[in-house]
Amino acid sequence: MKIKFLLTALTLAFAAYPALAEITPAEATSPEYLRNHGHSNSIVEMVQMTKAGANGEEYVTVDNAKHANDNKFVKFVRKIFIYFDPALDDGSFMRHDSKPNPHVDDL
């Protein structure tokens, strides 16, 4: 009986051992982990934006941080270029309030 109990205890101990090797969601979504596993910088930035949005925090992208201290004229000209070139980021990607009803801002 003691041998069966000992073997059962050892089996349960070894069965639970791989669970200790898992990583947490915070580690799996960290920028270093994502870059080391072959994800691009754009994916890393999108994951960080999603995490910040889920936590209700403000996230400033690298491109928008460069233009944070521009004067009003430069910001105005940049907005004109953003209007005509859809490839430029205006800071609204993945940063908008979800509304239950359709609105003209959804277009």
C-alpha atoms as a PDB file:
ATOM      1  CA  MET A   1       0.000   0.000   0.000  1.00  0.00           C
ATOM      2  CA  LYS A   2       2.828   2.358   0.822  1.00  0.00           C
ATOM      3  CA  ILE A   3       4.494   1.657  -2.525  1.00  0.00           C
ATOM      4  CA  LYS A   4       1.268   2.404  -4.421  1.00  0.00           C
ATOM      5  CA  PHE A   5       0.829   5.651  -2.484  1.00  0.00           C
ATOM      6  CA  LEU A   6       4.442   6.631  -3.180  1.00  0.00           C
ATOM      7  CA  LEU A   7       4.141   5.868  -6.901  1.00  0.00           C
ATOM      8  CA  THR A   8       0.867   7.802  -7.102  1.00  0.00           C
ATOM      9  CA  ALA A   9       2.429  10.792  -5.348  1.00  0.00           C
ATOM     10  CA  LEU A  10       5.458  10.734  -7.650  1.00  0.00           C
ATOM     11  CA  THR A  11       3.238  10.463 -10.721  1.00  0.00           C
ATOM     12  CA  LEU A  12       1.167  13.450  -9.629  1.00  0.00           C
ATOM     13  CA  ALA A  13       4.311  15.434  -8.816  1.00  0.00           C
ATOM     14  CA  PHE A  14       5.770  14.775 -12.273  1.00  0.00           C
ATOM     15  CA  ALA A  15       2.430  15.533 -13.938  1.00  0.00           C
ATOM     16  CA  ALA A  16       2.289  18.957 -12.276  1.00  0.00           C
ATOM     17  CA  TYR A  17       5.938  19.776 -12.982  1.00  0.00           C
ATOM     18  CA  PRO A  18       5.491  21.005 -16.615  1.00  0.00           C
ATOM     19  CA  ALA A  19       2.928  23.542 -15.390  1.00  0.00           C
ATOM     20  CA  LEU A  20       5.735  25.360 -13.615  1.00  0.00           C
ATOM     21  CA  ALA A  21       7.503  25.970 -16.948  1.00  0.00           C
ATOM     22  CA  GLU A  22       4.690  28.055 -18.442  1.00  0.00           C
ATOM     23  CA  ILE A  23       5.023  31.784 -18.950  1.00  0.00           C
ATOM     24  CA  THR A  24       2.529  34.398 -17.855  1.00  0.00           C
ATOM     25  CA  PRO A  25       0.469  36.464 -20.311  1.00  0.00           C
ATOM     26  CA  ALA A  26       2.469  39.543 -19.319  1.00  0.00           C
ATOM     27  CA  GLU A  27       5.672  37.785 -20.328  1.00  0.00           C
ATOM     28  CA  ALA A  28       4.144  36.456 -23.557  1.00  0.00           C
ATOM     29  CA  THR A  29       3.062  39.943 -24.658  1.00  0.00           C
ATOM     30  CA  SER A  30       6.199  41.810 -23.668  1.00  0.00           C
ATOM     31  CA  PRO A  31       8.009  43.518 -26.584  1.00  0.00           C
ATOM     32  CA  GLU A  32      11.256  41.623 -25.980  1.00  0.00           C
ATOM     33  CA  TYR A  33       9.508  38.233 -26.032  1.00  0.00           C
ATOM     34  CA  LEU A  34       7.605  39.067 -29.221  1.00  0.00           C
ATOM     35  CA  ARG A  35      10.713  40.345 -31.032  1.00  0.00           C
ATOM     36  CA  ASN A  36      12.747  37.308 -29.949  1.00  0.00           C
ATOM     37  CA  HIS A  37      10.072  35.011 -31.384  1.00  0.00           C
ATOM     38  CA  GLY A  38      10.162  36.597 -34.845  1.00  0.00           C
ATOM     39  CA  HIS A  39       7.359  39.158 -34.769  1.00  0.00           C
ATOM     40  CA  SER A  40       7.792  42.467 -36.570  1.00  0.00           C
ATOM     41  CA  ASN A  41       7.910  45.858 -34.878  1.00  0.00           C
ATOM     42  CA  SER A  42       4.431  46.652 -36.232  1.00  0.00           C
ATOM     43  CA  ILE A  43       2.941  43.585 -34.552  1.00  0.00           C
ATOM     44  CA  VAL A  44       4.745  44.431 -31.325  1.00  0.00           C
ATOM     45  CA  GLU A  45       3.324  47.949 -31.425  1.00  0.00           C
ATOM     46  CA  MET A  46      -0.200  46.668 -32.163  1.00  0.00           C
ATOM     47  CA  VAL A  47      -0.015  44.278 -29.208  1.00  0.00           C
ATOM     48  CA  GLN A  48       1.108  47.122 -26.937  1.00  0.00           C
ATOM     49  CA  MET A  49      -1.741  49.335 -28.236  1.00  0.00           C
ATOM     50  CA  THR A  50      -4.256  46.574 -27.544  1.00  0.00           C
ATOM     51  CA  LYS A  51      -2.912  46.038 -24.036  1.00  0.00           C
ATOM     52  CA  ALA A  52      -3.015  49.768 -23.316  1.00  0.00           C
ATOM     53  CA  GLY A  53      -6.567  50.005 -24.657  1.00  0.00           C
ATOM     54  CA  ALA A  54      -7.706  47.073 -22.540  1.00  0.00           C
ATOM     55  CA  ASN A  55      -6.180  48.679 -19.452  1.00  0.00           C
ATOM     56  CA  GLY A  56      -7.616  52.118 -20.276  1.00  0.00           C
ATOM     57  CA  GLU A  57      -4.184  53.681 -20.698  1.00  0.00           C
ATOM     58  CA  GLU A  58      -2.968  56.092 -23.340  1.00  0.00           C
ATOM     59  CA  TYR A  59      -0.388  54.678 -25.756  1.00  0.00           C
ATOM     60  CA  VAL A  60       1.682  56.972 -27.956  1.00  0.00           C
ATOM     61  CA  THR A  61       3.296  55.319 -30.958  1.00  0.00           C
ATOM     62  CA  VAL A  62       6.911  55.945 -31.872  1.00  0.00           C
ATOM     63  CA  ASP A  63       5.925  57.974 -34.945  1.00  0.00           C
ATOM     64  CA  ASN A  64       3.481  60.167 -33.028  1.00  0.00           C
ATOM     65  CA  ALA A  65       5.991  60.738 -30.245  1.00  0.00           C
ATOM     66  CA  LYS A  66       8.385  62.286 -32.788  1.00  0.00           C
ATOM     67  CA  HIS A  67       5.796  64.905 -33.741  1.00  0.00           C
ATOM     68  CA  ALA A  68       4.463  65.693 -30.275  1.00  0.00           C
ATOM     69  CA  ASN A  69       6.496  68.891 -29.881  1.00  0.00           C
ATOM     70  CA  ASP A  70       5.880  70.351 -33.361  1.00  0.00           C
ATOM     71  CA  ASN A  71       4.459  73.844 -33.650  1.00  0.00           C
ATOM     72  CA  LYS A  72       0.899  74.478 -34.877  1.00  0.00           C
ATOM     73  CA  PHE A  73       1.861  75.217 -38.488  1.00  0.00           C
ATOM     74  CA  VAL A  74       3.836  71.988 -38.825  1.00  0.00           C
ATOM     75  CA  LYS A  75       0.952  70.015 -37.277  1.00  0.00           C
ATOM     76  CA  PHE A  76      -1.475  71.660 -39.723  1.00  0.00           C
ATOM     77  CA  VAL A  77       0.680  70.796 -42.741  1.00  0.00           C
ATOM     78  CA  ARG A  78       1.138  67.256 -41.415  1.00  0.00           C
ATOM     79  CA  LYS A  79      -2.645  66.840 -41.106  1.00  0.00           C
ATOM     80  CA  ILE A  80      -3.028  67.960 -44.716  1.00  0.00           C
ATOM     81  CA  PHE A  81      -0.506  65.336 -45.843  1.00  0.00           C
ATOM     82  CA  ILE A  82      -2.248  62.718 -43.687  1.00  0.00           C
ATOM     83  CA  TYR A  83      -5.580  63.610 -45.293  1.00  0.00           C
ATOM     84  CA  PHE A  84      -4.236  63.046 -48.812  1.00  0.00           C
ATOM     85  CA  ASP A  85      -1.976  60.059 -48.037  1.00  0.00           C
ATOM     86  CA  PRO A  86      -3.792  57.225 -46.249  1.00  0.00           C
ATOM     87  CA  ALA A  87      -0.499  55.442 -45.517  1.00  0.00           C
ATOM     88  CA  LEU A  88       0.442  58.053 -42.910  1.00  0.00           C
ATOM     89  CA  ASP A  89      -0.751  57.438 -39.360  1.00  0.00           C
ATOM     90  CA  ASP A  90      -2.876  60.148 -37.803  1.00  0.00           C
ATOM     91  CA  GLY A  91      -2.987  58.473 -34.408  1.00  0.00           C
ATOM     92  CA  SER A  92      -6.536  57.157 -34.702  1.00  0.00           C
ATOM     93  CA  PHE A  93      -5.660  53.556 -35.616  1.00  0.00           C
ATOM     94  CA  MET A  94      -6.996  51.259 -32.885  1.00  0.00           C
ATOM     95  CA  ARG A  95      -7.639  54.331 -30.706  1.00  0.00           C
ATOM     96  CA  HIS A  96     -11.325  55.119 -30.975  1.00  0.00           C
ATOM     97  CA  ASP A  97     -14.360  54.745 -28.800  1.00  0.00           C
ATOM     98  CA  SER A  98     -16.636  51.864 -29.644  1.00  0.00           C
ATOM     99  CA  LYS A  99     -20.151  53.092 -30.307  1.00  0.00           C
ATOM    100  CA  PRO A 100     -23.172  50.773 -30.491  1.00  0.00           C
ATOM    101  CA  ASN A 101     -24.770  52.759 -33.327  1.00  0.00           C
ATOM    102  CA  PRO A 102     -23.227  53.564 -36.740  1.00  0.00           C
ATOM    103  CA  HIS A 103     -21.743  57.004 -37.072  1.00  0.00           C
ATOM    104  CA  VAL A 104     -20.044  59.021 -39.791  1.00  0.00           C
ATOM    105  CA  ASP A 105     -16.726  58.657 -37.887  1.00  0.00           C
ATOM    106  CA  ASP A 106     -16.807  54.905 -38.573  1.00  0.00           C
ATOM    107  CA  LEU A 107     -16.047  55.462 -42.262  1.00  0.00           C
END
